[in-house]
């Protein structure tokens, strides 16, 4: 099994479950996300985790092969984590300006779509 398939098999179910969880608990998710944005330490920790996940993925899967979507995911995670840890005040301001908590239903559908895509590449393709 290739590394990209292994990563896709982890990311796919994770995003499927996260999307379903957000949809089934929309009000709870909105409150939780609001609390996340109020807690700067938690926001920074989220950035550290995104940076770590991005670095791991890029280290394991840096080639733009047939499963390029895994590499794109790694770069997005890395850049997000980099912004959240190196420029936390700016990143928090940007996220607060986007008012993501008002659009969590739409973001849950994005998570479901990512889950389907990664699961397809990880288990079917």
N, C-alpha and C. Protein backbone atom coordinates (compact mmCIF):
# COMPACT_ATOMS: atom_id res chain seq x y z
N UNK A 1 0.84 -1.17 0.00
CA UNK A 1 0.00 0.00 0.00
C UNK A 1 0.90 1.24 0.00
N UNK A 2 0.54 2.21 -0.83
CA UNK A 2 1.34 3.43 -0.90
C UNK A 2 1.00 4.35 0.28
N UNK A 3 1.90 5.25 0.55
CA UNK A 3 1.71 6.19 1.65
C UNK A 3 0.50 7.08 1.39
N UNK A 4 0.31 7.53 0.15
CA UNK A 4 -0.82 8.40 -0.15
C UNK A 4 -2.15 7.70 0.09
N UNK A 5 -2.22 6.41 -0.22
CA UNK A 5 -3.46 5.66 0.07
C UNK A 5 -3.69 5.56 1.57
N UNK A 6 -2.63 5.29 2.31
CA UNK A 6 -2.73 5.19 3.76
C UNK A 6 -3.23 6.51 4.36
N UNK A 7 -2.67 7.63 3.91
CA UNK A 7 -3.08 8.94 4.41
C UNK A 7 -4.54 9.21 4.04
N UNK A 8 -4.91 8.90 2.81
CA UNK A 8 -6.30 9.10 2.37
C UNK A 8 -7.27 8.23 3.18
N UNK A 9 -6.84 7.04 3.56
CA UNK A 9 -7.70 6.15 4.36
C UNK A 9 -7.89 6.68 5.78
N UNK A 10 -7.01 7.52 6.25
CA UNK A 10 -7.18 8.15 7.56
C UNK A 10 -8.00 9.43 7.43
N UNK A 11 -7.63 10.27 6.46
CA UNK A 11 -8.29 11.57 6.30
C UNK A 11 -9.76 11.40 5.88
N UNK A 12 -10.04 10.44 4.99
CA UNK A 12 -11.40 10.25 4.49
C UNK A 12 -12.42 9.99 5.59
N UNK A 13 -12.28 8.93 6.36
CA UNK A 13 -13.25 8.67 7.43
C UNK A 13 -13.28 9.79 8.48
N UNK A 14 -12.13 10.41 8.76
CA UNK A 14 -12.10 11.51 9.72
C UNK A 14 -13.03 12.62 9.27
N UNK A 15 -12.89 13.06 8.01
CA UNK A 15 -13.74 14.14 7.53
C UNK A 15 -15.21 13.72 7.38
N UNK A 16 -15.45 12.47 7.01
CA UNK A 16 -16.84 12.00 6.96
C UNK A 16 -17.48 12.09 8.34
N UNK A 17 -16.79 11.60 9.35
CA UNK A 17 -17.34 11.62 10.71
C UNK A 17 -17.45 13.04 11.25
N UNK A 18 -16.47 13.88 10.95
CA UNK A 18 -16.53 15.28 11.40
C UNK A 18 -17.71 16.00 10.76
N UNK A 19 -17.93 15.78 9.48
CA UNK A 19 -19.06 16.41 8.78
C UNK A 19 -20.39 15.95 9.32
N UNK A 20 -20.54 14.65 9.54
CA UNK A 20 -21.78 14.11 10.10
C UNK A 20 -21.99 14.66 11.51
N UNK A 21 -20.92 14.68 12.30
CA UNK A 21 -21.02 15.19 13.65
C UNK A 21 -21.46 16.65 13.69
N UNK A 22 -20.91 17.46 12.80
CA UNK A 22 -21.31 18.87 12.75
C UNK A 22 -22.77 19.01 12.33
N UNK A 23 -23.19 18.23 11.34
CA UNK A 23 -24.57 18.32 10.88
C UNK A 23 -25.56 17.88 11.95
N UNK A 24 -25.23 16.80 12.65
CA UNK A 24 -26.15 16.28 13.67
C UNK A 24 -26.18 17.15 14.92
N UNK A 25 -25.12 17.92 15.15
CA UNK A 25 -25.01 18.75 16.36
C UNK A 25 -24.66 20.18 15.99
N UNK A 26 -25.43 20.76 15.11
CA UNK A 26 -25.09 22.05 14.54
C UNK A 26 -24.99 23.16 15.59
N UNK A 27 -25.95 23.25 16.48
CA UNK A 27 -25.92 24.30 17.50
C UNK A 27 -24.74 24.11 18.45
N UNK A 28 -24.48 22.87 18.83
CA UNK A 28 -23.32 22.58 19.68
C UNK A 28 -22.03 22.96 18.96
N UNK A 29 -21.95 22.63 17.67
CA UNK A 29 -20.75 22.94 16.89
C UNK A 29 -20.53 24.45 16.81
N UNK A 30 -21.61 25.21 16.66
CA UNK A 30 -21.49 26.67 16.61
C UNK A 30 -20.96 27.22 17.93
N UNK A 31 -21.50 26.72 19.04
CA UNK A 31 -21.03 27.17 20.35
C UNK A 31 -19.56 26.78 20.56
N UNK A 32 -19.22 25.55 20.19
CA UNK A 32 -17.86 25.07 20.37
C UNK A 32 -16.88 25.91 19.54
N UNK A 33 -17.23 26.19 18.31
CA UNK A 33 -16.35 26.98 17.44
C UNK A 33 -16.20 28.39 17.98
N UNK A 34 -17.30 28.95 18.50
CA UNK A 34 -17.23 30.27 19.11
C UNK A 34 -16.27 30.29 20.29
N UNK A 35 -16.31 29.26 21.11
CA UNK A 35 -15.39 29.15 22.25
C UNK A 35 -13.96 28.98 21.78
N UNK A 36 -13.77 28.23 20.70
CA UNK A 36 -12.44 28.02 20.12
C UNK A 36 -11.82 29.36 19.73
N UNK A 37 -12.63 30.25 19.15
CA UNK A 37 -12.11 31.54 18.71
C UNK A 37 -11.86 32.50 19.88
N UNK A 38 -12.51 32.25 21.01
CA UNK A 38 -12.29 33.09 22.19
C UNK A 38 -11.02 32.70 22.94
N UNK A 39 -10.59 31.46 22.80
CA UNK A 39 -9.45 30.94 23.55
C UNK A 39 -8.20 30.96 22.67
N UNK A 40 -7.34 31.95 22.88
CA UNK A 40 -6.16 32.10 22.03
C UNK A 40 -5.19 30.94 22.16
N UNK A 41 -5.09 30.37 23.35
CA UNK A 41 -4.21 29.21 23.55
C UNK A 41 -4.69 28.01 22.76
N UNK A 42 -5.99 27.80 22.76
CA UNK A 42 -6.56 26.69 22.00
C UNK A 42 -6.40 26.91 20.51
N UNK A 43 -6.57 28.16 20.08
CA UNK A 43 -6.37 28.50 18.67
C UNK A 43 -4.94 28.21 18.25
N UNK A 44 -3.98 28.61 19.09
CA UNK A 44 -2.57 28.36 18.81
C UNK A 44 -2.28 26.86 18.76
N UNK A 45 -2.85 26.11 19.70
CA UNK A 45 -2.67 24.65 19.70
C UNK A 45 -3.23 24.03 18.43
N UNK A 46 -4.36 24.54 17.95
CA UNK A 46 -4.91 24.07 16.68
C UNK A 46 -3.94 24.32 15.53
N UNK A 47 -3.26 25.45 15.57
CA UNK A 47 -2.26 25.76 14.56
C UNK A 47 -1.06 24.83 14.63
N UNK A 48 -0.62 24.53 15.85
CA UNK A 48 0.50 23.60 16.03
C UNK A 48 0.13 22.22 15.48
N UNK A 49 -1.08 21.77 15.75
CA UNK A 49 -1.52 20.46 15.24
C UNK A 49 -1.62 20.46 13.72
N UNK A 50 -2.16 21.53 13.14
CA UNK A 50 -2.25 21.63 11.68
C UNK A 50 -0.86 21.65 11.06
N UNK A 51 0.06 22.38 11.67
CA UNK A 51 1.44 22.44 11.19
C UNK A 51 2.10 21.06 11.25
N UNK A 52 1.91 20.37 12.36
CA UNK A 52 2.49 19.04 12.52
C UNK A 52 1.92 18.05 11.50
N UNK A 53 0.62 18.05 11.34
CA UNK A 53 -0.01 17.15 10.36
C UNK A 53 0.47 17.47 8.95
N UNK A 54 0.53 18.76 8.63
CA UNK A 54 1.02 19.15 7.31
C UNK A 54 2.45 18.72 7.06
N UNK A 55 3.32 18.91 8.06
CA UNK A 55 4.72 18.50 7.91
C UNK A 55 4.85 16.98 7.76
N UNK A 56 4.08 16.24 8.52
CA UNK A 56 4.12 14.77 8.41
C UNK A 56 3.69 14.33 7.02
N UNK A 57 2.58 14.88 6.54
CA UNK A 57 2.09 14.50 5.21
C UNK A 57 3.09 14.88 4.14
N UNK A 58 3.64 16.09 4.21
CA UNK A 58 4.61 16.52 3.19
C UNK A 58 5.89 15.70 3.24
N UNK A 59 6.29 15.28 4.41
CA UNK A 59 7.49 14.45 4.53
C UNK A 59 7.25 13.07 3.93
N UNK A 60 6.05 12.54 4.15
CA UNK A 60 5.74 11.20 3.66
C UNK A 60 5.28 11.19 2.21
N UNK A 61 4.61 12.25 1.78
CA UNK A 61 4.03 12.28 0.43
C UNK A 61 4.26 13.64 -0.18
N UNK A 62 5.46 13.89 -0.67
CA UNK A 62 5.75 15.20 -1.26
C UNK A 62 5.72 15.17 -2.79
N UNK A 63 5.61 14.00 -3.37
CA UNK A 63 5.62 13.89 -4.83
C UNK A 63 4.22 14.15 -5.39
N UNK A 64 4.18 14.86 -6.50
CA UNK A 64 2.92 15.15 -7.17
C UNK A 64 2.59 13.97 -8.10
N UNK A 65 2.13 12.89 -7.52
CA UNK A 65 1.82 11.68 -8.27
C UNK A 65 0.33 11.64 -8.59
N UNK A 66 -0.13 10.44 -8.92
CA UNK A 66 -1.54 10.24 -9.24
C UNK A 66 -2.44 10.69 -8.09
N UNK A 67 -2.00 10.53 -6.87
CA UNK A 67 -2.78 10.92 -5.71
C UNK A 67 -2.34 12.30 -5.21
N UNK A 68 -2.31 13.26 -6.10
CA UNK A 68 -1.85 14.61 -5.82
C UNK A 68 -2.69 15.30 -4.76
N UNK A 69 -3.94 14.88 -4.59
CA UNK A 69 -4.83 15.54 -3.64
C UNK A 69 -4.30 15.42 -2.21
N UNK A 70 -3.58 14.34 -1.91
CA UNK A 70 -2.99 14.17 -0.58
C UNK A 70 -1.89 15.21 -0.38
N UNK A 71 -1.11 15.45 -1.40
CA UNK A 71 -0.05 16.45 -1.33
C UNK A 71 -0.66 17.85 -1.16
N UNK A 72 -1.72 18.14 -1.87
CA UNK A 72 -2.40 19.44 -1.74
C UNK A 72 -2.91 19.60 -0.31
N UNK A 73 -3.51 18.56 0.23
CA UNK A 73 -4.00 18.60 1.61
C UNK A 73 -2.85 18.87 2.58
N UNK A 74 -1.71 18.25 2.35
CA UNK A 74 -0.55 18.47 3.20
C UNK A 74 -0.08 19.91 3.15
N UNK A 75 -0.03 20.49 1.96
CA UNK A 75 0.39 21.88 1.82
C UNK A 75 -0.60 22.83 2.48
N UNK A 76 -1.89 22.57 2.30
CA UNK A 76 -2.91 23.43 2.93
C UNK A 76 -2.79 23.36 4.45
N UNK A 77 -2.64 22.17 4.98
CA UNK A 77 -2.50 22.00 6.42
C UNK A 77 -1.23 22.69 6.92
N UNK A 78 -0.13 22.52 6.20
CA UNK A 78 1.13 23.15 6.57
C UNK A 78 1.00 24.68 6.58
N UNK A 79 0.44 25.25 5.52
CA UNK A 79 0.32 26.70 5.42
C UNK A 79 -0.64 27.26 6.47
N UNK A 80 -1.73 26.55 6.72
CA UNK A 80 -2.67 26.96 7.76
C UNK A 80 -1.98 26.96 9.12
N UNK A 81 -1.30 25.87 9.44
CA UNK A 81 -0.60 25.78 10.71
C UNK A 81 0.50 26.82 10.84
N UNK A 82 1.21 27.07 9.75
CA UNK A 82 2.27 28.08 9.74
C UNK A 82 1.69 29.45 10.07
N UNK A 83 0.58 29.79 9.42
CA UNK A 83 -0.05 31.09 9.66
C UNK A 83 -0.56 31.19 11.10
N UNK A 84 -1.14 30.11 11.61
CA UNK A 84 -1.71 30.14 12.96
C UNK A 84 -0.64 30.18 14.06
N UNK A 85 0.55 29.67 13.78
CA UNK A 85 1.59 29.66 14.80
C UNK A 85 2.56 30.83 14.67
N UNK A 86 2.88 31.24 13.45
CA UNK A 86 3.83 32.34 13.25
C UNK A 86 3.12 33.70 13.31
N UNK A 87 1.89 33.75 12.81
CA UNK A 87 1.11 34.98 12.81
C UNK A 87 -0.24 34.74 13.47
N UNK A 88 -0.27 34.38 14.75
CA UNK A 88 -1.53 33.99 15.39
C UNK A 88 -2.54 35.13 15.49
N UNK A 89 -2.09 36.34 15.79
CA UNK A 89 -3.03 37.46 15.91
C UNK A 89 -3.68 37.76 14.57
N UNK A 90 -2.88 37.80 13.53
CA UNK A 90 -3.41 38.04 12.19
C UNK A 90 -4.37 36.93 11.77
N UNK A 91 -3.98 35.68 11.99
CA UNK A 91 -4.81 34.53 11.61
C UNK A 91 -6.14 34.54 12.34
N UNK A 92 -6.10 34.81 13.63
CA UNK A 92 -7.33 34.85 14.41
C UNK A 92 -8.23 35.98 13.93
N UNK A 93 -7.64 37.10 13.57
CA UNK A 93 -8.43 38.21 13.03
C UNK A 93 -9.10 37.84 11.71
N UNK A 94 -8.37 37.15 10.85
CA UNK A 94 -8.93 36.73 9.56
C UNK A 94 -10.08 35.75 9.78
N UNK A 95 -9.88 34.77 10.64
CA UNK A 95 -10.92 33.77 10.88
C UNK A 95 -12.15 34.42 11.51
N UNK A 96 -11.94 35.33 12.43
CA UNK A 96 -13.08 36.02 13.05
C UNK A 96 -13.82 36.87 12.02
N UNK A 97 -13.09 37.48 11.09
CA UNK A 97 -13.71 38.32 10.07
C UNK A 97 -14.58 37.49 9.12
N UNK A 98 -14.16 36.24 8.85
CA UNK A 98 -14.92 35.38 7.94
C UNK A 98 -16.23 34.91 8.56
N UNK A 99 -16.36 34.99 9.89
CA UNK A 99 -17.56 34.55 10.61
C UNK A 99 -17.97 33.13 10.21
N UNK A 100 -17.00 32.24 10.30
CA UNK A 100 -17.20 30.85 9.90
C UNK A 100 -18.32 30.19 10.68
N UNK A 101 -18.48 30.56 11.97
CA UNK A 101 -19.50 29.91 12.78
C UNK A 101 -20.91 30.11 12.24
N UNK A 102 -21.10 31.17 11.45
CA UNK A 102 -22.42 31.41 10.84
C UNK A 102 -22.65 30.51 9.62
N UNK A 103 -21.60 29.88 9.13
CA UNK A 103 -21.71 29.05 7.94
C UNK A 103 -21.26 27.62 8.21
N UNK A 104 -21.42 27.17 9.44
CA UNK A 104 -20.95 25.82 9.78
C UNK A 104 -21.71 24.72 9.04
N UNK A 105 -22.96 24.97 8.72
CA UNK A 105 -23.71 23.96 7.96
C UNK A 105 -23.06 23.75 6.59
N UNK A 106 -22.69 24.84 5.94
CA UNK A 106 -22.03 24.73 4.64
C UNK A 106 -20.67 24.05 4.79
N UNK A 107 -19.92 24.41 5.86
CA UNK A 107 -18.61 23.81 6.08
C UNK A 107 -18.73 22.32 6.42
N UNK A 108 -19.84 21.93 7.03
CA UNK A 108 -20.03 20.50 7.30
C UNK A 108 -20.21 19.74 5.99
N UNK A 109 -20.85 20.36 5.01
CA UNK A 109 -20.98 19.72 3.70
C UNK A 109 -19.62 19.64 2.99
N UNK A 110 -18.79 20.66 3.20
CA UNK A 110 -17.43 20.61 2.64
C UNK A 110 -16.66 19.46 3.28
N UNK A 111 -16.79 19.30 4.59
CA UNK A 111 -16.12 18.19 5.28
C UNK A 111 -16.62 16.85 4.75
N UNK A 112 -17.93 16.73 4.55
CA UNK A 112 -18.48 15.49 3.99
C UNK A 112 -17.93 15.22 2.59
N UNK A 113 -17.86 16.26 1.77
CA UNK A 113 -17.33 16.10 0.41
C UNK A 113 -15.86 15.67 0.45
N UNK A 114 -15.08 16.30 1.31
CA UNK A 114 -13.67 15.90 1.45
C UNK A 114 -13.57 14.45 1.93
N UNK A 115 -14.44 14.08 2.85
CA UNK A 115 -14.45 12.70 3.34
C UNK A 115 -14.75 11.71 2.24
N UNK A 116 -15.71 12.04 1.39
CA UNK A 116 -16.06 11.16 0.28
C UNK A 116 -14.89 11.07 -0.70
N UNK A 117 -14.29 12.20 -1.03
CA UNK A 117 -13.18 12.22 -1.98
C UNK A 117 -12.01 11.41 -1.47
N UNK A 118 -11.57 11.69 -0.24
CA UNK A 118 -10.42 10.98 0.30
C UNK A 118 -10.73 9.50 0.51
N UNK A 119 -11.94 9.18 0.95
CA UNK A 119 -12.30 7.76 1.11
C UNK A 119 -12.32 7.04 -0.23
N UNK A 120 -12.81 7.72 -1.26
CA UNK A 120 -12.81 7.13 -2.59
C UNK A 120 -11.37 6.81 -3.02
N UNK A 121 -10.49 7.80 -2.90
CA UNK A 121 -9.08 7.58 -3.30
C UNK A 121 -8.41 6.55 -2.40
N UNK A 122 -8.78 6.51 -1.14
CA UNK A 122 -8.12 5.59 -0.20
C UNK A 122 -8.61 4.16 -0.28
N UNK A 123 -9.89 3.98 -0.58
CA UNK A 123 -10.46 2.63 -0.51
C UNK A 123 -10.94 2.08 -1.85
N UNK A 124 -11.28 2.94 -2.81
CA UNK A 124 -11.91 2.46 -4.04
C UNK A 124 -10.95 2.56 -5.23
N UNK A 125 -10.39 3.75 -5.43
CA UNK A 125 -9.59 4.00 -6.65
C UNK A 125 -8.31 3.18 -6.66
